[in-house]
Amino acid sequence: MAWFCNHYQCARCGYDWTDEWSCTCEDDCPHCGFRHMTPYNSDDLTKLIEDRDGAFVVLRSPNTAQHQPDYREIAEFPTREQAEAYLANTNRV
């Protein structure tokens, strides 16, 4: 399942916040309660590269994820560059 970090700014009070979710959906301001704010930006977190003790692990949020990304390891590389190339050149992840 896709996973996003959505960035919001309240049109009423100007409060900035982020919220992670499986879509780029509207949210209510946690500061003043103003409703239905659309994200002004979203970071796609569906696939990530994590540094683990010198290895670079490629993670993906599976289609079975619901309220959390539930990341699964799909590959491991000795360099970040190799991990990034893997993500850039494969359609299966």
PDB file of N, CA and C in Angstrom:
ATOM      1  N   MET A   1       0.850  -1.170   0.000  1.00  0.00           N
ATOM      2  CA  MET A   1       0.000   0.000   0.000  1.00  0.00           C
ATOM      3  C   MET A   1       0.892   1.228   0.000  1.00  0.00           C
ATOM      4  N   ALA A   2       0.504   2.218  -0.726  1.00  0.00           N
ATOM      5  CA  ALA A   2       1.236   3.482  -0.720  1.00  0.00           C
ATOM      6  C   ALA A   2       1.224   4.078   0.686  1.00  0.00           C
ATOM      7  N   TRP A   3       2.278   4.819   0.998  1.00  0.00           N
ATOM      8  CA  TRP A   3       2.368   5.466   2.304  1.00  0.00           C
ATOM      9  C   TRP A   3       2.952   6.847   2.109  1.00  0.00           C
ATOM     10  N   PHE A   4       2.328   7.865   2.726  1.00  0.00           N
ATOM     11  CA  PHE A   4       2.729   9.250   2.515  1.00  0.00           C
ATOM     12  C   PHE A   4       2.893   9.995   3.835  1.00  0.00           C
ATOM     13  N   CYS A   5       3.803  10.963   3.825  1.00  0.00           N
ATOM     14  CA  CYS A   5       3.882  11.953   4.896  1.00  0.00           C
ATOM     15  C   CYS A   5       3.320  13.230   4.301  1.00  0.00           C
ATOM     16  N   ASN A   6       2.132  13.614   4.759  1.00  0.00           N
ATOM     17  CA  ASN A   6       1.443  14.796   4.235  1.00  0.00           C
ATOM     18  C   ASN A   6       1.793  16.015   5.076  1.00  0.00           C
ATOM     19  N   HIS A   7       2.020  17.142   4.393  1.00  0.00           N
ATOM     20  CA  HIS A   7       2.365  18.412   5.047  1.00  0.00           C
ATOM     21  C   HIS A   7       1.180  19.375   4.906  1.00  0.00           C
ATOM     22  N   TYR A   8       0.780  19.930   6.030  1.00  0.00           N
ATOM     23  CA  TYR A   8      -0.395  20.809   6.062  1.00  0.00           C
ATOM     24  C   TYR A   8      -0.046  22.156   6.687  1.00  0.00           C
ATOM     25  N   GLN A   9      -0.847  23.168   6.316  1.00  0.00           N
ATOM     26  CA  GLN A   9      -0.840  24.447   7.014  1.00  0.00           C
ATOM     27  C   GLN A   9      -2.283  24.909   7.115  1.00  0.00           C
ATOM     28  N   CYS A  10      -2.698  25.212   8.332  1.00  0.00           N
ATOM     29  CA  CYS A  10      -4.087  25.598   8.580  1.00  0.00           C
ATOM     30  C   CYS A  10      -4.390  26.966   7.975  1.00  0.00           C
ATOM     31  N   ALA A  11      -5.485  27.033   7.224  1.00  0.00           N
ATOM     32  CA  ALA A  11      -5.911  28.287   6.603  1.00  0.00           C
ATOM     33  C   ALA A  11      -6.467  29.270   7.634  1.00  0.00           C
ATOM     34  N   ARG A  12      -6.874  28.771   8.786  1.00  0.00           N
ATOM     35  CA  ARG A  12      -7.431  29.635   9.827  1.00  0.00           C
ATOM     36  C   ARG A  12      -6.351  30.184  10.754  1.00  0.00           C
ATOM     37  N   CYS A  13      -5.547  29.302  11.367  1.00  0.00           N
ATOM     38  CA  CYS A  13      -4.598  29.753  12.401  1.00  0.00           C
ATOM     39  C   CYS A  13      -3.143  29.721  11.965  1.00  0.00           C
ATOM     40  N   GLY A  14      -2.858  29.133  10.774  1.00  0.00           N
ATOM     41  CA  GLY A  14      -1.497  29.087  10.265  1.00  0.00           C
ATOM     42  C   GLY A  14      -0.628  27.973  10.822  1.00  0.00           C
ATOM     43  N   TYR A  15      -1.196  27.120  11.665  1.00  0.00           N
ATOM     44  CA  TYR A  15      -0.442  26.022  12.274  1.00  0.00           C
ATOM     45  C   TYR A  15       0.049  25.045  11.210  1.00  0.00           C
ATOM     46  N   ASP A  16       1.313  24.637  11.320  1.00  0.00           N
ATOM     47  CA  ASP A  16       1.901  23.645  10.413  1.00  0.00           C
ATOM     48  C   ASP A  16       1.966  22.297  11.113  1.00  0.00           C
ATOM     49  N   TRP A  17       1.646  21.209  10.371  1.00  0.00           N
ATOM     50  CA  TRP A  17       1.785  19.866  10.925  1.00  0.00           C
ATOM     51  C   TRP A  17       1.962  18.860   9.801  1.00  0.00           C
ATOM     52  N   THR A  18       2.400  17.667  10.187  1.00  0.00           N
ATOM     53  CA  THR A  18       2.504  16.557   9.248  1.00  0.00           C
ATOM     54  C   THR A  18       1.703  15.383   9.796  1.00  0.00           C
ATOM     55  N   ASP A  19       1.286  14.517   8.883  1.00  0.00           N
ATOM     56  CA  ASP A  19       0.556  13.317   9.269  1.00  0.00           C
ATOM     57  C   ASP A  19       0.848  12.250   8.227  1.00  0.00           C
ATOM     58  N   GLU A  20       1.161  11.045   8.681  1.00  0.00           N
ATOM     59  CA  GLU A  20       1.409   9.938   7.766  1.00  0.00           C
ATOM     60  C   GLU A  20       0.131   9.141   7.572  1.00  0.00           C
ATOM     61  N   TRP A  21      -0.114   8.801   6.291  1.00  0.00           N
ATOM     62  CA  TRP A  21      -1.312   8.041   5.973  1.00  0.00           C
ATOM     63  C   TRP A  21      -1.134   7.343   4.640  1.00  0.00           C
ATOM     64  N   SER A  22      -2.057   6.472   4.290  1.00  0.00           N
ATOM     65  CA  SER A  22      -1.972   5.684   3.062  1.00  0.00           C
ATOM     66  C   SER A  22      -2.462   6.440   1.826  1.00  0.00           C
ATOM     67  N   CYS A  23      -2.795   7.710   1.972  1.00  0.00           N
ATOM     68  CA  CYS A  23      -3.201   8.523   0.837  1.00  0.00           C
ATOM     69  C   CYS A  23      -2.897   9.988   1.138  1.00  0.00           C
ATOM     70  N   THR A  24      -3.056  10.815   0.143  1.00  0.00           N
ATOM     71  CA  THR A  24      -2.839  12.252   0.339  1.00  0.00           C
ATOM     72  C   THR A  24      -4.188  12.904   0.626  1.00  0.00           C
ATOM     73  N   CYS A  25      -4.701  12.626   1.814  1.00  0.00           N
ATOM     74  CA  CYS A  25      -6.062  13.018   2.169  1.00  0.00           C
ATOM     75  C   CYS A  25      -6.099  14.314   2.977  1.00  0.00           C
ATOM     76  N   GLU A  26      -7.288  14.865   3.063  1.00  0.00           N
ATOM     77  CA  GLU A  26      -7.511  16.048   3.888  1.00  0.00           C
ATOM     78  C   GLU A  26      -7.405  15.664   5.362  1.00  0.00           C
ATOM     79  N   ASP A  27      -7.107  16.675   6.202  1.00  0.00           N
ATOM     80  CA  ASP A  27      -6.983  16.461   7.638  1.00  0.00           C
ATOM     81  C   ASP A  27      -7.543  17.680   8.354  1.00  0.00           C
ATOM     82  N   ASP A  28      -7.872  17.507   9.612  1.00  0.00           N
ATOM     83  CA  ASP A  28      -8.357  18.612  10.438  1.00  0.00           C
ATOM     84  C   ASP A  28      -7.201  19.159  11.260  1.00  0.00           C
ATOM     85  N   CYS A  29      -7.148  20.469  11.436  1.00  0.00           N
ATOM     86  CA  CYS A  29      -6.066  21.108  12.173  1.00  0.00           C
ATOM     87  C   CYS A  29      -6.061  20.631  13.625  1.00  0.00           C
ATOM     88  N   PRO A  30      -4.941  20.071  14.096  1.00  0.00           N
ATOM     89  CA  PRO A  30      -4.884  19.603  15.483  1.00  0.00           C
ATOM     90  C   PRO A  30      -4.797  20.748  16.486  1.00  0.00           C
ATOM     91  N   HIS A  31      -4.546  21.969  15.999  1.00  0.00           N
ATOM     92  CA  HIS A  31      -4.411  23.122  16.892  1.00  0.00           C
ATOM     93  C   HIS A  31      -5.750  23.823  17.136  1.00  0.00           C
ATOM     94  N   CYS A  32      -6.478  24.127  16.049  1.00  0.00           N
ATOM     95  CA  CYS A  32      -7.729  24.881  16.213  1.00  0.00           C
ATOM     96  C   CYS A  32      -8.974  24.116  15.761  1.00  0.00           C
ATOM     97  N   GLY A  33      -8.792  22.952  15.124  1.00  0.00           N
ATOM     98  CA  GLY A  33      -9.931  22.143  14.710  1.00  0.00           C
ATOM     99  C   GLY A  33     -10.510  22.483  13.352  1.00  0.00           C
ATOM    100  N   PHE A  34      -9.934  23.467  12.636  1.00  0.00           N
ATOM    101  CA  PHE A  34     -10.438  23.827  11.311  1.00  0.00           C
ATOM    102  C   PHE A  34     -10.405  22.581  10.424  1.00  0.00           C
ATOM    103  N   ARG A  35     -11.472  22.340   9.691  1.00  0.00           N
ATOM    104  CA  ARG A  35     -11.656  21.060   9.000  1.00  0.00           C
ATOM    105  C   ARG A  35     -11.270  21.090   7.530  1.00  0.00           C
ATOM    106  N   HIS A  36     -10.965  19.901   7.038  1.00  0.00           N
ATOM    107  CA  HIS A  36     -10.779  19.609   5.619  1.00  0.00           C
ATOM    108  C   HIS A  36      -9.618  20.366   4.966  1.00  0.00           C
ATOM    109  N   MET A  37      -8.475  20.382   5.643  1.00  0.00           N
ATOM    110  CA  MET A  37      -7.294  21.017   5.072  1.00  0.00           C
ATOM    111  C   MET A  37      -6.624  20.034   4.114  1.00  0.00           C
ATOM    112  N   THR A  38      -6.316  20.496   2.917  1.00  0.00           N
ATOM    113  CA  THR A  38      -5.642  19.691   1.902  1.00  0.00           C
ATOM    114  C   THR A  38      -4.136  19.829   2.085  1.00  0.00           C
ATOM    115  N   PRO A  39      -3.379  18.730   1.969  1.00  0.00           N
ATOM    116  CA  PRO A  39      -1.928  18.860   2.113  1.00  0.00           C
ATOM    117  C   PRO A  39      -1.341  19.740   1.006  1.00  0.00           C
ATOM    118  N   TYR A  40      -0.368  20.581   1.368  1.00  0.00           N
ATOM    119  CA  TYR A  40       0.294  21.408   0.360  1.00  0.00           C
ATOM    120  C   TYR A  40       1.487  20.666  -0.244  1.00  0.00           C
ATOM    121  N   ASN A  41       1.902  19.571   0.401  1.00  0.00           N
ATOM    122  CA  ASN A  41       2.988  18.747  -0.114  1.00  0.00           C
ATOM    123  C   ASN A  41       2.856  17.362   0.511  1.00  0.00           C
ATOM    124  N   SER A  42       3.348  16.348  -0.182  1.00  0.00           N
ATOM    125  CA  SER A  42       3.336  14.983   0.338  1.00  0.00           C
ATOM    126  C   SER A  42       4.620  14.280  -0.073  1.00  0.00           C
ATOM    127  N   ASP A  43       5.242  13.594   0.872  1.00  0.00           N
ATOM    128  CA  ASP A  43       6.427  12.787   0.595  1.00  0.00           C
ATOM    129  C   ASP A  43       5.984  11.336   0.465  1.00  0.00           C
ATOM    130  N   ASP A  44       6.386  10.690  -0.626  1.00  0.00           N
ATOM    131  CA  ASP A  44       6.048   9.287  -0.831  1.00  0.00           C
ATOM    132  C   ASP A  44       6.997   8.432  -0.002  1.00  0.00           C
ATOM    133  N   LEU A  45       6.468   7.753   1.000  1.00  0.00           N
ATOM    134  CA  LEU A  45       7.238   6.891   1.885  1.00  0.00           C
ATOM    135  C   LEU A  45       6.977   5.410   1.632  1.00  0.00           C
ATOM    136  N   THR A  46       6.403   5.088   0.486  1.00  0.00           N
ATOM    137  CA  THR A  46       6.071   3.700   0.173  1.00  0.00           C
ATOM    138  C   THR A  46       7.325   2.836   0.149  1.00  0.00           C
ATOM    139  N   LYS A  47       8.401   3.358  -0.443  1.00  0.00           N
ATOM    140  CA  LYS A  47       9.679   2.650  -0.506  1.00  0.00           C
ATOM    141  C   LYS A  47      10.743   3.514   0.152  1.00  0.00           C
ATOM    142  N   LEU A  48      11.530   2.906   1.036  1.00  0.00           N
ATOM    143  CA  LEU A  48      12.573   3.617   1.768  1.00  0.00           C
ATOM    144  C   LEU A  48      13.874   2.843   1.723  1.00  0.00           C
ATOM    145  N   ILE A  49      14.959   3.569   1.966  1.00  0.00           N
ATOM    146  CA  ILE A  49      16.264   2.943   2.159  1.00  0.00           C
ATOM    147  C   ILE A  49      16.693   3.269   3.581  1.00  0.00           C
ATOM    148  N   GLU A  50      17.013   2.232   4.338  1.00  0.00           N
ATOM    149  CA  GLU A  50      17.396   2.393   5.741  1.00  0.00           C
ATOM    150  C   GLU A  50      18.836   1.921   5.924  1.00  0.00           C
ATOM    151  N   ASP A  51      19.631   2.732   6.621  1.00  0.00           N
ATOM    152  CA  ASP A  51      21.017   2.363   6.931  1.00  0.00           C
ATOM    153  C   ASP A  51      21.009   1.509   8.187  1.00  0.00           C
ATOM    154  N   ARG A  52      21.480   0.268   8.060  1.00  0.00           N
ATOM    155  CA  ARG A  52      21.535  -0.647   9.202  1.00  0.00           C
ATOM    156  C   ARG A  52      22.946  -1.202   9.335  1.00  0.00           C
ATOM    157  N   ASP A  53      23.689  -0.635  10.250  1.00  0.00           N
ATOM    158  CA  ASP A  53      25.040  -1.122  10.536  1.00  0.00           C
ATOM    159  C   ASP A  53      25.895  -1.259   9.279  1.00  0.00           C
ATOM    160  N   GLY A  54      25.865  -0.257   8.435  1.00  0.00           N
ATOM    161  CA  GLY A  54      26.697  -0.253   7.245  1.00  0.00           C
ATOM    162  C   GLY A  54      26.080  -0.898   6.025  1.00  0.00           C
ATOM    163  N   ALA A  55      24.942  -1.525   6.150  1.00  0.00           N
ATOM    164  CA  ALA A  55      24.220  -2.091   5.006  1.00  0.00           C
ATOM    165  C   ALA A  55      23.031  -1.187   4.703  1.00  0.00           C
ATOM    166  N   PHE A  56      22.624  -1.149   3.458  1.00  0.00           N
ATOM    167  CA  PHE A  56      21.500  -0.299   3.057  1.00  0.00           C
ATOM    168  C   PHE A  56      20.342  -1.196   2.638  1.00  0.00           C
ATOM    169  N   VAL A  57      19.298  -1.191   3.457  1.00  0.00           N
ATOM    170  CA  VAL A  57      18.160  -2.088   3.301  1.00  0.00           C
ATOM    171  C   VAL A  57      17.018  -1.342   2.615  1.00  0.00           C
ATOM    172  N   VAL A  58      16.487  -1.938   1.546  1.00  0.00           N
ATOM    173  CA  VAL A  58      15.341  -1.374   0.842  1.00  0.00           C
ATOM    174  C   VAL A  58      14.084  -1.944   1.487  1.00  0.00           C
ATOM    175  N   LEU A  59      13.184  -1.043   1.883  1.00  0.00           N
ATOM    176  CA  LEU A  59      11.932  -1.413   2.537  1.00  0.00           C
ATOM    177  C   LEU A  59      10.760  -0.960   1.680  1.00  0.00           C
ATOM    178  N   ARG A  60       9.660  -1.705   1.764  1.00  0.00           N
ATOM    179  CA  ARG A  60       8.432  -1.325   1.051  1.00  0.00           C
ATOM    180  C   ARG A  60       7.230  -1.605   1.919  1.00  0.00           C
ATOM    181  N   SER A  61       6.280  -0.682   1.869  1.00  0.00           N
ATOM    182  CA  SER A  61       5.006  -0.887   2.540  1.00  0.00           C
ATOM    183  C   SER A  61       4.159  -1.806   1.660  1.00  0.00           C
ATOM    184  N   PRO A  62       3.757  -2.992   2.155  1.00  0.00           N
ATOM    185  CA  PRO A  62       3.028  -3.941   1.317  1.00  0.00           C
ATOM    186  C   PRO A  62       1.562  -3.545   1.113  1.00  0.00           C
ATOM    187  N   ASN A  63       0.934  -4.163   0.142  1.00  0.00           N
ATOM    188  CA  ASN A  63      -0.484  -3.898  -0.138  1.00  0.00           C
ATOM    189  C   ASN A  63      -1.389  -4.270   1.034  1.00  0.00           C
ATOM    190  N   THR A  64      -0.914  -5.115   1.934  1.00  0.00           N
ATOM    191  CA  THR A  64      -1.714  -5.538   3.082  1.00  0.00           C
ATOM    192  C   THR A  64      -1.683  -4.533   4.239  1.00  0.00           C
ATOM    193  N   ALA A  65      -0.816  -3.520   4.156  1.00  0.00           N
ATOM    194  CA  ALA A  65      -0.738  -2.514   5.225  1.00  0.00           C
ATOM    195  C   ALA A  65      -2.059  -1.758   5.319  1.00  0.00           C
ATOM    196  N   GLN A  66      -2.427  -1.389   6.544  1.00  0.00           N
ATOM    197  CA  GLN A  66      -3.683  -0.669   6.711  1.00  0.00           C
ATOM    198  C   GLN A  66      -3.487   0.649   7.455  1.00  0.00           C
ATOM    199  N   HIS A  67      -3.279   0.606   8.768  1.00  0.00           N
ATOM    200  CA  HIS A  67      -3.167   1.848   9.535  1.00  0.00           C
ATOM    201  C   HIS A  67      -1.732   2.214   9.861  1.00  0.00           C
ATOM    202  N   GLN A  68      -0.793   1.363   9.500  1.00  0.00           N
ATOM    203  CA  GLN A  68       0.641   1.591   9.644  1.00  0.00           C
ATOM    204  C   GLN A  68       1.312   1.085   8.369  1.00  0.00           C
ATOM    205  N   PRO A  69       2.507   1.578   8.045  1.00  0.00           N
ATOM    206  CA  PRO A  69       3.135   1.141   6.800  1.00  0.00           C
ATOM    207  C   PRO A  69       3.554  -0.324   6.787  1.00  0.00           C
ATOM    208  N   ASP A  70       3.850  -0.928   7.941  1.00  0.00           N
ATOM    209  CA  ASP A  70       4.207  -2.346   8.051  1.00  0.00           C
ATOM    210  C   ASP A  70       5.296  -2.738   7.049  1.00  0.00           C
ATOM    211  N   TYR A  71       6.385  -1.957   7.031  1.00  0.00           N
ATOM    212  CA  TYR A  71       7.455  -2.145   6.062  1.00  0.00           C
ATOM    213  C   TYR A  71       8.015  -3.561   6.063  1.00  0.00           C
ATOM    214  N   ARG A  72       8.340  -4.037   4.866  1.00  0.00           N
ATOM    215  CA  ARG A  72       8.969  -5.341   4.659  1.00  0.00           C
ATOM    216  C   ARG A  72      10.297  -5.119   3.939  1.00  0.00           C
ATOM    217  N   GLU A  73      11.305  -5.872   4.317  1.00  0.00           N
ATOM    218  CA  GLU A  73      12.598  -5.809   3.632  1.00  0.00           C
ATOM    219  C   GLU A  73      12.476  -6.504   2.280  1.00  0.00           C
ATOM    220  N   ILE A  74      12.990  -5.843   1.232  1.00  0.00           N
ATOM    221  CA  ILE A  74      12.922  -6.463  -0.088  1.00  0.00           C
ATOM    222  C   ILE A  74      14.311  -6.652  -0.708  1.00  0.00           C
ATOM    223  N   ALA A  75      15.330  -5.947  -0.198  1.00  0.00           N
ATOM    224  CA  ALA A  75      16.685  -6.119  -0.725  1.00  0.00           C
ATOM    225  C   ALA A  75      17.665  -5.456   0.230  1.00  0.00           C
ATOM    226  N   GLU A  76      18.942  -5.847   0.129  1.00  0.00           N
ATOM    227  CA  GLU A  76      20.003  -5.263   0.943  1.00  0.00           C
ATOM    228  C   GLU A  76      21.242  -5.083   0.073  1.00  0.00           C
ATOM    229  N   PHE A  77      21.926  -3.937   0.258  1.00  0.00           N
ATOM    230  CA  PHE A  77      23.086  -3.600  -0.556  1.00  0.00           C
ATOM    231  C   PHE A  77      24.198  -3.030   0.320  1.00  0.00           C
ATOM    232  N   PRO A  78      25.451  -3.146  -0.132  1.00  0.00           N
ATOM    233  CA  PRO A  78      26.566  -2.601   0.645  1.00  0.00           C
ATOM    234  C   PRO A  78      26.694  -1.084   0.545  1.00  0.00           C
ATOM    235  N   THR A  79      26.089  -0.451  -0.500  1.00  0.00           N
ATOM    236  CA  THR A  79      26.165   1.012  -0.630  1.00  0.00           C
ATOM    237  C   THR A  79      24.776   1.593  -0.874  1.00  0.00           C
ATOM    238  N   ARG A  80      24.607   2.860  -0.473  1.00  0.00           N
ATOM    239  CA  ARG A  80      23.351   3.575  -0.722  1.00  0.00           C
ATOM    240  C   ARG A  80      23.119   3.714  -2.226  1.00  0.00           C
ATOM    241  N   GLU A  81      24.183   3.961  -2.974  1.00  0.00           N
ATOM    242  CA  GLU A  81      24.067   4.138  -4.419  1.00  0.00           C
ATOM    243  C   GLU A  81      23.471   2.890  -5.077  1.00  0.00           C
ATOM    244  N   GLN A  82      23.898   1.715  -4.642  1.00  0.00           N
ATOM    245  CA  GLN A  82      23.348   0.472  -5.201  1.00  0.00           C
ATOM    246  C   GLN A  82      21.874   0.317  -4.832  1.00  0.00           C
ATOM    247  N   ALA A  83      21.516   0.671  -3.620  1.00  0.00           N
ATOM    248  CA  ALA A  83      20.116   0.588  -3.191  1.00  0.00           C
ATOM    249  C   ALA A  83      19.249   1.558  -3.994  1.00  0.00           C
ATOM    250  N   GLU A  84      19.752   2.777  -4.208  1.00  0.00           N
ATOM    251  CA  GLU A  84      19.004   3.755  -4.993  1.00  0.00           C
ATOM    252  C   GLU A  84      18.862   3.305  -6.448  1.00  0.00           C
ATOM    253  N   ALA A  85      19.925   2.724  -6.998  1.00  0.00           N
ATOM    254  CA  ALA A  85      19.863   2.221  -8.377  1.00  0.00           C
ATOM    255  C   ALA A  85      18.847   1.089  -8.489  1.00  0.00           C
ATOM    256  N   TYR A  86      18.798   0.232  -7.492  1.00  0.00           N
ATOM    257  CA  TYR A  86      17.813  -0.860  -7.472  1.00  0.00           C
ATOM    258  C   TYR A  86      16.393  -0.300  -7.524  1.00  0.00           C
ATOM    259  N   LEU A  87      16.105   0.687  -6.693  1.00  0.00           N
ATOM    260  CA  LEU A  87      14.762   1.281  -6.693  1.00  0.00           C
ATOM    261  C   LEU A  87      14.462   1.985  -8.000  1.00  0.00           C
ATOM    262  N   ALA A  88      15.458   2.628  -8.582  1.00  0.00           N
ATOM    263  CA  ALA A  88      15.243   3.377  -9.825  1.00  0.00           C
ATOM    264  C   ALA A  88      15.041   2.453 -11.024  1.00  0.00           C
ATOM    265  N   ASN A  89      15.606   1.252 -10.982  1.00  0.00           N
ATOM    266  CA  ASN A  89      15.625   0.390 -12.158  1.00  0.00           C
ATOM    267  C   ASN A  89      14.756  -0.857 -12.072  1.00  0.00           C
ATOM    268  N   THR A  90      13.934  -0.949 -11.048  1.00  0.00           N
ATOM    269  CA  THR A  90      13.094  -2.138 -10.950  1.00  0.00           C
ATOM    270  C   THR A  90      11.636  -1.739 -10.849  1.00  0.00           C
ATOM    271  N   ASN A  91      10.786  -2.475 -11.525  1.00  0.00           N
ATOM    272  CA  ASN A  91       9.338  -2.228 -11.485  1.00  0.00           C
ATOM    273  C   ASN A  91       8.635  -3.157 -10.515  1.00  0.00           C
ATOM    274  N   ARG A  92       9.357  -4.104  -9.955  1.00  0.00           N
ATOM    275  CA  ARG A  92       8.702  -5.104  -9.112  1.00  0.00           C
ATOM    276  C   ARG A  92       8.557  -4.700  -7.661  1.00  0.00           C
ATOM    277  N   VAL A  93       9.058  -3.546  -7.294  1.00  0.00           N
ATOM    278  CA  VAL A  93       8.927  -3.121  -5.892  1.00  0.00           C
ATOM    279  C   VAL A  93       7.984  -1.960  -5.777  1.00  0.00           C
TER     280      VAL A  93
END
